[in-house]
Protein backbone atom coordinates (compact mmCIF):
# COMPACT_ATOMS: atom_id res chain seq x y z
CA MET A 1 0.00 0.00 0.00
CA SER A 2 1.26 3.49 -0.81
CA GLY A 3 0.00 6.87 0.28
CA GLU A 4 0.96 10.32 1.45
CA PHE A 5 2.05 11.08 4.99
CA GLU A 6 2.76 14.13 7.12
CA ILE A 7 4.73 14.27 10.38
CA VAL A 8 4.53 17.56 12.25
CA ARG A 9 6.43 18.65 15.34
CA GLU A 10 6.50 22.00 17.14
CA ALA A 11 8.90 23.06 19.86
CA GLU A 12 10.15 26.14 21.68
CA LEU A 13 13.92 26.18 22.17
CA ALA A 14 16.01 28.33 24.49
CA THR A 15 18.19 29.76 21.74
CA THR A 16 18.06 32.18 18.80
CA PRO A 17 16.66 31.65 15.29
CA GLN A 18 20.18 32.02 13.87
CA GLU A 19 21.49 29.23 16.11
CA VAL A 20 18.70 26.92 14.94
CA TRP A 21 19.20 27.89 11.30
CA ASP A 22 22.93 27.24 11.53
CA ALA A 23 22.36 23.86 13.14
CA VAL A 24 19.87 22.81 10.46
CA THR A 25 21.74 24.12 7.40
CA THR A 26 25.48 23.88 8.06
CA GLY A 27 25.47 20.07 8.01
CA THR A 28 28.47 19.42 10.24
CA GLY A 29 27.06 16.24 11.76
CA GLY A 30 26.53 17.92 15.12
CA TRP A 31 23.07 16.43 15.60
CA LEU A 32 22.05 14.58 12.43
CA TRP A 33 24.59 13.69 9.74
CA PRO A 34 26.83 15.81 7.49
CA MET A 35 24.94 17.33 4.58
CA GLU A 36 25.24 20.39 2.38
CA TYR A 37 22.74 22.84 0.93
CA GLU A 38 23.31 25.25 -1.92
CA PRO A 39 22.20 28.44 -0.13
CA ARG A 40 19.50 29.72 -2.47
CA ALA A 41 16.02 28.86 -3.69
CA GLY A 42 16.52 26.44 -6.55
CA GLY A 43 19.83 25.24 -5.17
CA GLU A 44 20.86 21.66 -4.57
CA ALA A 45 19.78 19.84 -1.41
CA PRO A 46 20.84 16.46 0.04
CA PHE A 47 19.72 13.17 -1.52
CA GLY A 48 19.37 14.71 -4.96
CA GLY A 49 16.76 17.21 -3.84
CA ALA A 50 16.26 20.91 -4.35
CA VAL A 51 15.91 23.89 -2.06
CA THR A 52 12.46 25.32 -2.76
CA VAL A 53 12.46 27.97 0.00
CA TRP A 54 15.61 29.61 1.41
CA GLU A 55 14.80 32.51 3.74
CA PRO A 56 17.45 32.63 6.46
CA PRO A 57 17.08 32.33 9.35
CA HIS A 58 13.33 31.68 9.28
CA HIS A 59 12.13 29.34 6.55
CA LEU A 60 13.69 26.36 4.79
CA VAL A 61 11.97 23.87 2.50
CA THR A 62 13.67 21.09 0.54
CA ARG A 63 12.06 18.56 -1.74
CA VAL A 64 13.04 15.39 -3.58
CA GLU A 65 10.75 14.15 -6.35
CA GLY A 66 10.53 10.84 -8.16
CA GLU A 67 8.34 8.84 -10.49
CA ASN A 68 4.57 8.45 -10.27
CA GLY A 69 4.09 11.39 -7.94
CA TRP A 70 6.55 10.25 -5.30
CA PHE A 71 8.12 13.03 -3.20
CA ASN A 72 9.86 13.65 0.11
CA GLN A 73 9.72 17.15 1.59
CA LEU A 74 11.18 18.75 4.72
CA GLU A 75 10.10 22.14 6.04
CA ASN A 76 11.50 24.16 8.95
CA VAL A 77 9.74 27.32 10.14
CA ILE A 78 11.85 29.21 12.70
CA GLU A 79 10.50 32.21 14.60
CA ALA A 80 11.83 34.34 17.45
CA ARG A 81 9.66 34.53 20.54
CA ASP A 82 9.59 36.87 23.52
CA GLY A 83 12.09 36.05 26.22
CA GLY A 84 14.85 35.01 23.85
CA THR A 85 13.40 31.66 22.80
CA THR A 86 12.74 30.31 19.32
CA PHE A 87 9.67 28.51 18.01
CA VAL A 88 10.34 25.73 15.50
CA ARG A 89 7.75 23.99 13.36
CA TYR A 90 9.09 20.94 11.52
CA VAL A 91 7.05 19.18 8.84
CA HIS A 92 8.13 16.01 7.06
CA SER A 93 5.76 15.02 4.26
CA GLY A 94 5.83 12.72 1.28
CA VAL A 95 4.77 9.33 0.00
CA PHE A 96 5.54 5.89 1.41
CA THR A 97 5.31 3.23 -1.28
CA ASP A 98 5.63 -0.02 0.70
CA ASP A 99 4.53 -1.20 4.15
CA TRP A 100 3.01 2.19 4.92
CA ASP A 101 2.20 1.61 8.60
CA ASN A 102 5.69 0.32 9.46
CA GLN A 103 7.45 3.08 7.53
CA TYR A 104 5.30 5.75 9.14
CA ASP A 105 5.85 4.34 12.62
CA GLY A 106 9.61 4.24 12.06
CA ALA A 107 9.78 7.75 10.62
CA ASN A 108 7.55 9.12 13.38
CA GLN A 109 9.70 7.69 16.17
CA HIS A 110 12.98 8.63 14.48
CA THR A 111 11.70 12.21 14.14
CA ASP A 112 11.23 12.53 17.90
CA PHE A 113 14.74 11.20 18.56
CA TYR A 114 16.42 13.39 15.92
CA LEU A 115 14.69 16.56 17.08
CA HIS A 116 15.53 15.78 20.70
CA THR A 117 19.17 15.39 19.61
CA LEU A 118 18.93 18.79 17.90
CA SER A 119 17.78 20.37 21.17
CA GLN A 120 20.64 18.68 23.05
CA TYR A 121 23.13 19.89 20.48
CA LEU A 122 21.88 23.47 20.72
CA GLN A 123 21.94 23.38 24.50
CA HIS A 124 25.35 21.76 25.00
CA PHE A 125 27.47 21.72 21.83
CA SER A 126 26.38 24.40 19.36
CA HIS A 127 29.11 25.41 16.88
CA ARG A 128 31.72 23.13 18.45
CA PRO A 129 33.88 21.19 15.97
CA VAL A 130 32.53 17.70 15.53
CA ALA A 131 33.34 14.34 14.01
CA TRP A 132 30.39 12.09 13.13
CA PHE A 133 30.07 8.47 12.16
CA SER A 134 27.37 5.81 12.12
CA ALA A 135 27.37 2.05 11.90
CA ASP A 136 24.94 -0.84 11.63
CA ALA A 137 25.20 -3.76 13.97
CA PRO A 138 25.62 -7.26 12.48
CA PRO A 139 22.58 -8.84 10.78
CA ALA A 140 21.93 -10.89 13.94
CA SER A 141 20.71 -7.67 15.57
CA ASN A 142 17.64 -7.72 13.32
CA ALA A 143 15.80 -10.03 15.68
CA PRO A 144 13.06 -9.53 18.27
CA ASP A 145 15.62 -9.28 21.09
CA GLY A 146 18.13 -7.25 19.08
CA PHE A 147 17.81 -3.96 20.91
CA ALA A 148 17.35 -5.64 24.28
CA ARG A 149 20.83 -7.17 23.84
CA LEU A 150 22.32 -3.76 23.13
CA ARG A 151 20.57 -2.17 26.13
CA ALA A 152 21.98 -4.92 28.34
CA ALA A 153 25.47 -4.32 26.95
CA LEU A 154 25.07 -0.64 27.85
CA GLY A 155 24.24 -1.67 31.41
CA LEU A 156 20.64 -0.48 31.24
CA ALA A 157 17.95 -2.13 33.32
CA ALA A 158 14.18 -2.14 33.09
CA THR A 159 14.19 0.59 35.74
CA SER A 160 16.71 2.83 33.95
CA ALA A 161 15.50 6.37 33.31
CA VAL A 162 16.49 9.68 31.75
CA ASP A 163 19.24 11.43 33.75
CA ASP A 164 20.62 8.15 35.09
CA ARG A 165 24.40 7.91 34.79
CA VAL A 166 25.98 5.42 32.40
CA ARG A 167 29.58 4.26 32.61
CA LEU A 168 31.20 2.08 29.98
CA ASP A 169 34.74 0.97 29.23
CA ILE A 170 35.07 0.65 25.46
CA ASN A 171 38.29 -1.05 24.34
CA GLY A 172 40.09 1.43 22.13
CA VAL A 173 38.13 4.44 23.40
CA GLY A 174 38.36 4.22 27.18
CA ASP A 175 35.82 5.35 29.73
CA VAL A 176 32.47 6.66 28.53
CA ASP A 177 30.89 8.48 31.46
CA GLY A 178 27.60 10.23 30.73
CA VAL A 179 23.90 10.49 31.36
CA ILE A 180 20.90 9.05 29.59
CA ASP A 181 19.25 11.97 27.82
CA TYR A 182 16.70 9.96 25.81
CA LEU A 183 15.11 6.61 26.49
CA THR A 184 12.24 4.79 24.80
CA PRO A 185 11.73 1.10 23.98
CA HIS A 186 13.54 1.54 20.64
CA PHE A 187 15.99 4.42 21.18
CA VAL A 188 18.69 5.37 23.68
CA GLY A 189 20.65 8.63 23.84
CA ILE A 190 23.71 9.06 26.05
CA ARG A 191 25.40 12.46 26.44
CA THR A 192 28.86 13.07 27.88
CA SER A 193 30.82 16.30 28.24
CA ASP A 194 32.23 15.90 24.73
CA ALA A 195 29.98 13.51 22.83
CA MET A 196 26.47 12.32 22.05
CA TYR A 197 25.97 8.59 21.53
CA ARG A 198 22.76 7.55 19.74
CA PHE A 199 21.46 3.96 19.62
CA PHE A 200 18.63 2.95 17.29
CA GLY A 201 16.52 -0.18 17.79
CA ARG A 202 15.72 -0.45 14.10
CA ASN A 203 15.07 -4.16 14.50
CA ALA A 204 11.55 -3.01 15.46
CA PHE A 205 11.17 -1.75 11.89
CA GLY A 206 12.82 -4.64 10.04
CA ALA A 207 16.44 -3.45 9.94
CA PRO A 208 19.65 -3.98 11.95
CA VAL A 209 20.29 -2.04 15.15
CA GLY A 210 22.24 1.14 14.43
CA ILE A 211 24.46 3.62 16.25
CA ALA A 212 25.55 7.20 15.55
CA MET A 213 28.29 9.11 17.32
CA HIS A 214 28.78 12.88 17.53
CA LEU A 215 32.27 13.57 18.94
CA PHE A 216 32.93 17.20 19.83
CA GLY A 217 36.08 19.26 20.14
CA ASP A 218 36.66 21.91 22.78
CA GLY A 219 35.29 24.77 20.70
CA SER A 220 38.63 26.55 20.43
CA GLY A 221 38.67 26.31 16.65
CA ALA A 222 42.08 24.65 16.78
CA SER A 223 40.77 21.41 15.32
CA ASP A 224 38.15 20.37 12.83
CA ALA A 225 37.29 17.24 14.81
CA ALA A 226 36.94 16.14 18.38
CA ASP A 227 40.15 16.73 20.32
CA ASP A 228 40.10 13.98 22.92
CA THR A 229 39.27 10.97 20.72
CA ASP A 230 40.56 9.94 17.32
CA PRO A 231 37.33 9.58 15.27
CA GLN A 232 38.68 6.72 13.15
CA GLN A 233 39.85 4.86 16.25
CA ALA A 234 36.50 5.49 17.92
CA GLU A 235 34.59 4.19 14.92
CA LYS A 236 36.72 1.03 14.79
CA ALA A 237 36.29 0.50 18.54
CA TRP A 238 32.51 0.88 18.49
CA ARG A 239 32.16 -1.40 15.47
CA SER A 240 34.16 -4.03 17.37
CA TRP A 241 31.92 -3.50 20.39
CA LEU A 242 28.83 -4.06 18.24
CA ASP A 243 30.32 -7.22 16.77
CA ALA A 244 30.94 -8.53 20.30
CA VAL A 245 27.40 -7.71 21.45
CA TYR A 246 25.96 -9.87 18.66
CA ALA A 247 28.62 -12.56 18.47
């Protein structure tokens, strides 16, 4: 079954419209993944799309179109509010062509996690140099207990909650000491003083478990990547950790 969908979120953030605009459009990998926009209406957008509205720092629309009426569109409306906050309205619309309910459920839940990560980035890491990578767990993670195995490896219990501390010793990275900043049955976010670790239970939607890492520098501008951890070493270490979880 195919059909159109629309996912809408609204939030008020304790920052400025320019900070939000920069986070959404600069594409450093600080909260999502690296991507580039040609800064004009009609310019190129990620995934072969086009910028249809470019009105910094208040309105951005990008759209990808395909055959038989298929499209995928993202819209961000960004408005200053009294008291120094910023209102953001995010709309993701388009067409799902297969397994509509499952795709919508997955996109809906991912949206909440991504936008929460945006708020964490703006609050704790905005404009800091960052190195980003992501990885899929082995195919064995695409099983009913796939994410439960990862949660156990993280040391999480059924009673774990947001703001609980998490301490891990990752071979090749060292101590990871942070707090849970996001926790649902299918997603876990852990934030440290210099990183955000994102874990995705995509086995619930028919795919392997995934991870994404945002490793931040000290903000001095002296480096284009995180200062305390070699990103390539970190990626290798976390991939090895995933392999061990699902061995």
